[in-house]
Amino acid sequence: MIAFRDFRSNTPGSPLSDGIDRAMVSANEWLKETGVQPLNIETLVETRGSLSVGRVERGLRIWYVIGAALKRD
């Protein structure tokens, strides 16, 4: 089975602050602690405005395998 975990910044203030940087630090710590092997890593973005003109990177989503070792061919 696969699952994902999101890492988002809860930094108050400007959405251009350090959202992606904090998310990356948290994600790296989690990966190191758990030994999980990511299948895919996505950038989470927020859009601002009615035409979605402003895009801000706010976090990461890590997809991984649950309960089974990854098999490599």
PDB file of N, CA and C in Angstrom:
ATOM      1  N   MET A   1       0.839  -1.184   0.000  1.00  0.00           N
ATOM      2  CA  MET A   1       0.000   0.000   0.000  1.00  0.00           C
ATOM      3  C   MET A   1       0.879   1.240   0.000  1.00  0.00           C
ATOM      4  N   ILE A   2       0.330   2.310  -0.548  1.00  0.00           N
ATOM      5  CA  ILE A   2       1.055   3.570  -0.534  1.00  0.00           C
ATOM      6  C   ILE A   2       0.312   4.582   0.322  1.00  0.00           C
ATOM      7  N   ALA A   3       1.040   5.574   0.789  1.00  0.00           N
ATOM      8  CA  ALA A   3       0.472   6.654   1.587  1.00  0.00           C
ATOM      9  C   ALA A   3       1.272   7.919   1.294  1.00  0.00           C
ATOM     10  N   PHE A   4       0.782   9.046   1.820  1.00  0.00           N
ATOM     11  CA  PHE A   4       1.545  10.276   1.692  1.00  0.00           C
ATOM     12  C   PHE A   4       1.529  11.016   3.008  1.00  0.00           C
ATOM     13  N   ARG A   5       2.494  11.870   3.174  1.00  0.00           N
ATOM     14  CA  ARG A   5       2.548  12.748   4.340  1.00  0.00           C
ATOM     15  C   ARG A   5       2.891  14.139   3.837  1.00  0.00           C
ATOM     16  N   ASP A   6       2.138  15.126   4.331  1.00  0.00           N
ATOM     17  CA  ASP A   6       2.370  16.519   3.961  1.00  0.00           C
ATOM     18  C   ASP A   6       3.222  17.209   5.010  1.00  0.00           C
ATOM     19  N   PHE A   7       4.088  18.064   4.541  1.00  0.00           N
ATOM     20  CA  PHE A   7       4.909  18.905   5.398  1.00  0.00           C
ATOM     21  C   PHE A   7       4.671  20.337   4.958  1.00  0.00           C
ATOM     22  N   ARG A   8       3.997  21.100   5.832  1.00  0.00           N
ATOM     23  CA  ARG A   8       3.656  22.489   5.508  1.00  0.00           C
ATOM     24  C   ARG A   8       4.241  23.400   6.567  1.00  0.00           C
ATOM     25  N   SER A   9       4.524  24.605   6.153  1.00  0.00           N
ATOM     26  CA  SER A   9       4.979  25.610   7.102  1.00  0.00           C
ATOM     27  C   SER A   9       3.773  26.258   7.758  1.00  0.00           C
ATOM     28  N   ASN A  10       3.859  26.469   9.055  1.00  0.00           N
ATOM     29  CA  ASN A  10       2.827  27.207   9.776  1.00  0.00           C
ATOM     30  C   ASN A  10       3.336  28.590  10.150  1.00  0.00           C
ATOM     31  N   THR A  11       4.326  29.065   9.392  1.00  0.00           N
ATOM     32  CA  THR A  11       4.928  30.357   9.672  1.00  0.00           C
ATOM     33  C   THR A  11       3.915  31.466   9.452  1.00  0.00           C
ATOM     34  N   PRO A  12       3.645  32.262  10.503  1.00  0.00           N
ATOM     35  CA  PRO A  12       2.726  33.387  10.316  1.00  0.00           C
ATOM     36  C   PRO A  12       3.381  34.492   9.494  1.00  0.00           C
ATOM     37  N   GLY A  13       2.558  35.379   8.995  1.00  0.00           N
ATOM     38  CA  GLY A  13       3.097  36.515   8.248  1.00  0.00           C
ATOM     39  C   GLY A  13       3.046  36.272   6.763  1.00  0.00           C
ATOM     40  N   SER A  14       4.014  36.814   6.089  1.00  0.00           N
ATOM     41  CA  SER A  14       4.045  36.763   4.636  1.00  0.00           C
ATOM     42  C   SER A  14       4.091  35.332   4.120  1.00  0.00           C
ATOM     43  N   PRO A  15       3.267  34.993   3.135  1.00  0.00           N
ATOM     44  CA  PRO A  15       3.341  33.647   2.556  1.00  0.00           C
ATOM     45  C   PRO A  15       4.653  33.423   1.810  1.00  0.00           C
ATOM     46  N   LEU A  16       5.401  34.486   1.578  1.00  0.00           N
ATOM     47  CA  LEU A  16       6.690  34.350   0.911  1.00  0.00           C
ATOM     48  C   LEU A  16       7.817  34.137   1.913  1.00  0.00           C
ATOM     49  N   SER A  17       7.462  33.953   3.195  1.00  0.00           N
ATOM     50  CA  SER A  17       8.492  33.741   4.203  1.00  0.00           C
ATOM     51  C   SER A  17       9.256  32.468   3.908  1.00  0.00           C
ATOM     52  N   ASP A  18       9.464  31.621   4.853  1.00  0.00           N
ATOM     53  CA  ASP A  18      10.314  30.456   4.613  1.00  0.00           C
ATOM     54  C   ASP A  18       9.520  29.166   4.569  1.00  0.00           C
ATOM     55  N   GLY A  19       8.339  29.178   4.001  1.00  0.00           N
ATOM     56  CA  GLY A  19       7.473  28.012   3.982  1.00  0.00           C
ATOM     57  C   GLY A  19       8.097  26.760   3.422  1.00  0.00           C
ATOM     58  N   ILE A  20       8.659  26.829   2.237  1.00  0.00           N
ATOM     59  CA  ILE A  20       9.218  25.640   1.608  1.00  0.00           C
ATOM     60  C   ILE A  20      10.481  25.195   2.334  1.00  0.00           C
ATOM     61  N   ASP A  21      11.263  26.140   2.848  1.00  0.00           N
ATOM     62  CA  ASP A  21      12.482  25.785   3.568  1.00  0.00           C
ATOM     63  C   ASP A  21      12.179  25.027   4.851  1.00  0.00           C
ATOM     64  N   ARG A  22      11.217  25.502   5.615  1.00  0.00           N
ATOM     65  CA  ARG A  22      10.839  24.806   6.858  1.00  0.00           C
ATOM     66  C   ARG A  22      10.241  23.439   6.562  1.00  0.00           C
ATOM     67  N   ALA A  23       9.443  23.361   5.525  1.00  0.00           N
ATOM     68  CA  ALA A  23       8.849  22.078   5.150  1.00  0.00           C
ATOM     69  C   ALA A  23       9.935  21.080   4.764  1.00  0.00           C
ATOM     70  N   MET A  24      10.955  21.536   4.053  1.00  0.00           N
ATOM     71  CA  MET A  24      12.029  20.643   3.637  1.00  0.00           C
ATOM     72  C   MET A  24      12.841  20.145   4.834  1.00  0.00           C
ATOM     73  N   VAL A  25      13.093  21.011   5.794  1.00  0.00           N
ATOM     74  CA  VAL A  25      13.810  20.598   7.003  1.00  0.00           C
ATOM     75  C   VAL A  25      13.002  19.538   7.748  1.00  0.00           C
ATOM     76  N   SER A  26      11.708  19.781   7.928  1.00  0.00           N
ATOM     77  CA  SER A  26      10.844  18.811   8.621  1.00  0.00           C
ATOM     78  C   SER A  26      10.779  17.488   7.871  1.00  0.00           C
ATOM     79  N   ALA A  27      10.648  17.552   6.558  1.00  0.00           N
ATOM     80  CA  ALA A  27      10.571  16.331   5.750  1.00  0.00           C
ATOM     81  C   ALA A  27      11.869  15.536   5.853  1.00  0.00           C
ATOM     82  N   ASN A  28      13.004  16.209   5.773  1.00  0.00           N
ATOM     83  CA  ASN A  28      14.292  15.516   5.879  1.00  0.00           C
ATOM     84  C   ASN A  28      14.470  14.861   7.244  1.00  0.00           C
ATOM     85  N   GLU A  29      14.045  15.533   8.307  1.00  0.00           N
ATOM     86  CA  GLU A  29      14.126  14.944   9.648  1.00  0.00           C
ATOM     87  C   GLU A  29      13.254  13.695   9.745  1.00  0.00           C
ATOM     88  N   TRP A  30      12.037  13.767   9.204  1.00  0.00           N
ATOM     89  CA  TRP A  30      11.124  12.623   9.235  1.00  0.00           C
ATOM     90  C   TRP A  30      11.683  11.448   8.439  1.00  0.00           C
ATOM     91  N   LEU A  31      12.222  11.731   7.258  1.00  0.00           N
ATOM     92  CA  LEU A  31      12.806  10.670   6.434  1.00  0.00           C
ATOM     93  C   LEU A  31      13.973  10.000   7.157  1.00  0.00           C
ATOM     94  N   LYS A  32      14.789  10.780   7.807  1.00  0.00           N
ATOM     95  CA  LYS A  32      15.938  10.235   8.532  1.00  0.00           C
ATOM     96  C   LYS A  32      15.488   9.383   9.717  1.00  0.00           C
ATOM     97  N   GLU A  33      14.483   9.864  10.463  1.00  0.00           N
ATOM     98  CA  GLU A  33      13.977   9.146  11.639  1.00  0.00           C
ATOM     99  C   GLU A  33      13.285   7.841  11.270  1.00  0.00           C
ATOM    100  N   THR A  34      12.517   7.845  10.197  1.00  0.00           N
ATOM    101  CA  THR A  34      11.694   6.683   9.844  1.00  0.00           C
ATOM    102  C   THR A  34      12.370   5.719   8.884  1.00  0.00           C
ATOM    103  N   GLY A  35      13.339   6.195   8.128  1.00  0.00           N
ATOM    104  CA  GLY A  35      13.982   5.348   7.128  1.00  0.00           C
ATOM    105  C   GLY A  35      13.117   5.090   5.910  1.00  0.00           C
ATOM    106  N   VAL A  36      12.040   5.845   5.766  1.00  0.00           N
ATOM    107  CA  VAL A  36      11.129   5.700   4.631  1.00  0.00           C
ATOM    108  C   VAL A  36      11.851   6.051   3.338  1.00  0.00           C
ATOM    109  N   GLN A  37      11.569   5.277   2.281  1.00  0.00           N
ATOM    110  CA  GLN A  37      12.101   5.560   0.959  1.00  0.00           C
ATOM    111  C   GLN A  37      10.996   6.212   0.135  1.00  0.00           C
ATOM    112  N   PRO A  38      11.139   7.479  -0.216  1.00  0.00           N
ATOM    113  CA  PRO A  38      10.087   8.164  -0.982  1.00  0.00           C
ATOM    114  C   PRO A  38       9.894   7.564  -2.367  1.00  0.00           C
ATOM    115  N   LEU A  39       8.634   7.484  -2.775  1.00  0.00           N
ATOM    116  CA  LEU A  39       8.308   7.115  -4.152  1.00  0.00           C
ATOM    117  C   LEU A  39       8.265   8.353  -5.034  1.00  0.00           C
ATOM    118  N   ASN A  40       7.758   9.454  -4.450  1.00  0.00           N
ATOM    119  CA  ASN A  40       7.616  10.702  -5.184  1.00  0.00           C
ATOM    120  C   ASN A  40       7.525  11.844  -4.180  1.00  0.00           C
ATOM    121  N   ILE A  41       8.015  13.010  -4.577  1.00  0.00           N
ATOM    122  CA  ILE A  41       7.917  14.205  -3.739  1.00  0.00           C
ATOM    123  C   ILE A  41       7.312  15.312  -4.585  1.00  0.00           C
ATOM    124  N   GLU A  42       6.239  15.923  -4.053  1.00  0.00           N
ATOM    125  CA  GLU A  42       5.534  16.984  -4.767  1.00  0.00           C
ATOM    126  C   GLU A  42       5.637  18.292  -4.002  1.00  0.00           C
ATOM    127  N   THR A  43       5.584  19.392  -4.717  1.00  0.00           N
ATOM    128  CA  THR A  43       5.538  20.710  -4.099  1.00  0.00           C
ATOM    129  C   THR A  43       4.080  21.108  -3.914  1.00  0.00           C
ATOM    130  N   LEU A  44       3.726  21.547  -2.702  1.00  0.00           N
ATOM    131  CA  LEU A  44       2.378  22.026  -2.416  1.00  0.00           C
ATOM    132  C   LEU A  44       2.371  23.541  -2.595  1.00  0.00           C
ATOM    133  N   VAL A  45       1.425  24.029  -3.373  1.00  0.00           N
ATOM    134  CA  VAL A  45       1.353  25.468  -3.631  1.00  0.00           C
ATOM    135  C   VAL A  45      -0.007  26.008  -3.231  1.00  0.00           C
ATOM    136  N   GLU A  46      -0.018  27.288  -2.877  1.00  0.00           N
ATOM    137  CA  GLU A  46      -1.255  28.021  -2.637  1.00  0.00           C
ATOM    138  C   GLU A  46      -1.374  29.054  -3.743  1.00  0.00           C
ATOM    139  N   THR A  47      -2.590  29.329  -4.133  1.00  0.00           N
ATOM    140  CA  THR A  47      -2.805  30.374  -5.127  1.00  0.00           C
ATOM    141  C   THR A  47      -3.532  31.531  -4.475  1.00  0.00           C
ATOM    142  N   ARG A  48      -3.251  32.704  -4.948  1.00  0.00           N
ATOM    143  CA  ARG A  48      -3.862  33.930  -4.427  1.00  0.00           C
ATOM    144  C   ARG A  48      -4.573  34.648  -5.562  1.00  0.00           C
ATOM    145  N   GLY A  49      -5.733  35.208  -5.270  1.00  0.00           N
ATOM    146  CA  GLY A  49      -6.444  35.992  -6.256  1.00  0.00           C
ATOM    147  C   GLY A  49      -7.446  35.164  -7.043  1.00  0.00           C
ATOM    148  N   SER A  50      -8.381  35.851  -7.652  1.00  0.00           N
ATOM    149  CA  SER A  50      -9.456  35.168  -8.367  1.00  0.00           C
ATOM    150  C   SER A  50      -8.966  34.487  -9.645  1.00  0.00           C
ATOM    151  N   LEU A  51      -7.879  34.956 -10.214  1.00  0.00           N
ATOM    152  CA  LEU A  51      -7.361  34.355 -11.433  1.00  0.00           C
ATOM    153  C   LEU A  51      -6.163  33.454 -11.150  1.00  0.00           C
ATOM    154  N   SER A  52      -5.934  33.168  -9.892  1.00  0.00           N
ATOM    155  CA  SER A  52      -4.815  32.311  -9.477  1.00  0.00           C
ATOM    156  C   SER A  52      -3.488  32.808 -10.042  1.00  0.00           C
ATOM    157  N   VAL A  53      -3.317  34.117 -10.000  1.00  0.00           N
ATOM    158  CA  VAL A  53      -2.102  34.712 -10.543  1.00  0.00           C
ATOM    159  C   VAL A  53      -0.917  34.486  -9.614  1.00  0.00           C
ATOM    160  N   GLY A  54      -1.141  34.613  -8.305  1.00  0.00           N
ATOM    161  CA  GLY A  54      -0.047  34.451  -7.356  1.00  0.00           C
ATOM    162  C   GLY A  54       0.064  33.019  -6.872  1.00  0.00           C
ATOM    163  N   ARG A  55       1.225  32.428  -7.067  1.00  0.00           N
ATOM    164  CA  ARG A  55       1.479  31.062  -6.584  1.00  0.00           C
ATOM    165  C   ARG A  55       2.586  31.118  -5.547  1.00  0.00           C
ATOM    166  N   VAL A  56       2.360  30.451  -4.417  1.00  0.00           N
ATOM    167  CA  VAL A  56       3.343  30.442  -3.343  1.00  0.00           C
ATOM    168  C   VAL A  56       3.600  28.998  -2.939  1.00  0.00           C
ATOM    169  N   GLU A  57       4.863  28.607  -2.921  1.00  0.00           N
ATOM    170  CA  GLU A  57       5.234  27.268  -2.469  1.00  0.00           C
ATOM    171  C   GLU A  57       5.128  27.227  -0.949  1.00  0.00           C
ATOM    172  N   ARG A  58       4.303  26.294  -0.424  1.00  0.00           N
ATOM    173  CA  ARG A  58       4.054  26.252   1.003  1.00  0.00           C
ATOM    174  C   ARG A  58       4.430  24.936   1.655  1.00  0.00           C
ATOM    175  N   GLY A  59       4.834  23.939   0.902  1.00  0.00           N
ATOM    176  CA  GLY A  59       5.174  22.684   1.544  1.00  0.00           C
ATOM    177  C   GLY A  59       5.491  21.584   0.554  1.00  0.00           C
ATOM    178  N   LEU A  60       5.630  20.385   1.112  1.00  0.00           N
ATOM    179  CA  LEU A  60       5.961  19.201   0.334  1.00  0.00           C
ATOM    180  C   LEU A  60       5.007  18.064   0.671  1.00  0.00           C
ATOM    181  N   ARG A  61       4.749  17.206  -0.294  1.00  0.00           N
ATOM    182  CA  ARG A  61       4.001  15.968  -0.083  1.00  0.00           C
ATOM    183  C   ARG A  61       4.912  14.821  -0.482  1.00  0.00           C
ATOM    184  N   ILE A  62       5.115  13.900   0.452  1.00  0.00           N
ATOM    185  CA  ILE A  62       5.967  12.744   0.193  1.00  0.00           C
ATOM    186  C   ILE A  62       5.105  11.497   0.112  1.00  0.00           C
ATOM    187  N   TRP A  63       5.164  10.810  -1.032  1.00  0.00           N
ATOM    188  CA  TRP A  63       4.488   9.536  -1.236  1.00  0.00           C
ATOM    189  C   TRP A  63       5.476   8.426  -0.908  1.00  0.00           C
ATOM    190  N   TYR A  64       4.998   7.386  -0.190  1.00  0.00           N
ATOM    191  CA  TYR A  64       5.879   6.297   0.232  1.00  0.00           C
ATOM    192  C   TYR A  64       5.083   5.001   0.380  1.00  0.00           C
ATOM    193  N   VAL A  65       5.804   3.891   0.507  1.00  0.00           N
ATOM    194  CA  VAL A  65       5.189   2.565   0.659  1.00  0.00           C
ATOM    195  C   VAL A  65       4.993   2.277   2.143  1.00  0.00           C
ATOM    196  N   ILE A  66       3.816   1.724   2.479  1.00  0.00           N
ATOM    197  CA  ILE A  66       3.529   1.310   3.867  1.00  0.00           C
ATOM    198  C   ILE A  66       3.659  -0.185   3.981  1.00  0.00           C
ATOM    199  N   GLY A  67       4.345  -0.640   5.027  1.00  0.00           N
ATOM    200  CA  GLY A  67       4.344  -2.049   5.390  1.00  0.00           C
ATOM    201  C   GLY A  67       5.048  -3.005   4.442  1.00  0.00           C
ATOM    202  N   ALA A  68       5.855  -2.484   3.550  1.00  0.00           N
ATOM    203  CA  ALA A  68       6.592  -3.369   2.640  1.00  0.00           C
ATOM    204  C   ALA A  68       7.861  -2.657   2.190  1.00  0.00           C
ATOM    205  N   ALA A  69       8.882  -3.433   2.043  1.00  0.00           N
ATOM    206  CA  ALA A  69      10.136  -2.872   1.530  1.00  0.00           C
ATOM    207  C   ALA A  69       9.982  -2.613   0.036  1.00  0.00           C
ATOM    208  N   LEU A  70      10.632  -1.574  -0.430  1.00  0.00           N
ATOM    209  CA  LEU A  70      10.611  -1.306  -1.857  1.00  0.00           C
ATOM    210  C   LEU A  70      11.425  -2.364  -2.578  1.00  0.00           C
ATOM    211  N   LYS A  71      10.894  -2.892  -3.645  1.00  0.00           N
ATOM    212  CA  LYS A  71      11.612  -3.902  -4.433  1.00  0.00           C
ATOM    213  C   LYS A  71      12.238  -3.226  -5.626  1.00  0.00           C
ATOM    214  N   ARG A  72      13.478  -3.492  -5.838  1.00  0.00           N
ATOM    215  CA  ARG A  72      14.196  -2.922  -6.971  1.00  0.00           C
ATOM    216  C   ARG A  72      14.540  -4.031  -7.941  1.00  0.00           C
ATOM    217  N   ASP A  73      14.286  -3.812  -9.206  1.00  0.00           N
ATOM    218  CA  ASP A  73      14.579  -4.814 -10.246  1.00  0.00           C
ATOM    219  C   ASP A  73      15.989  -4.651 -10.748  1.00  0.00           C
TER     220      ASP A  73
END
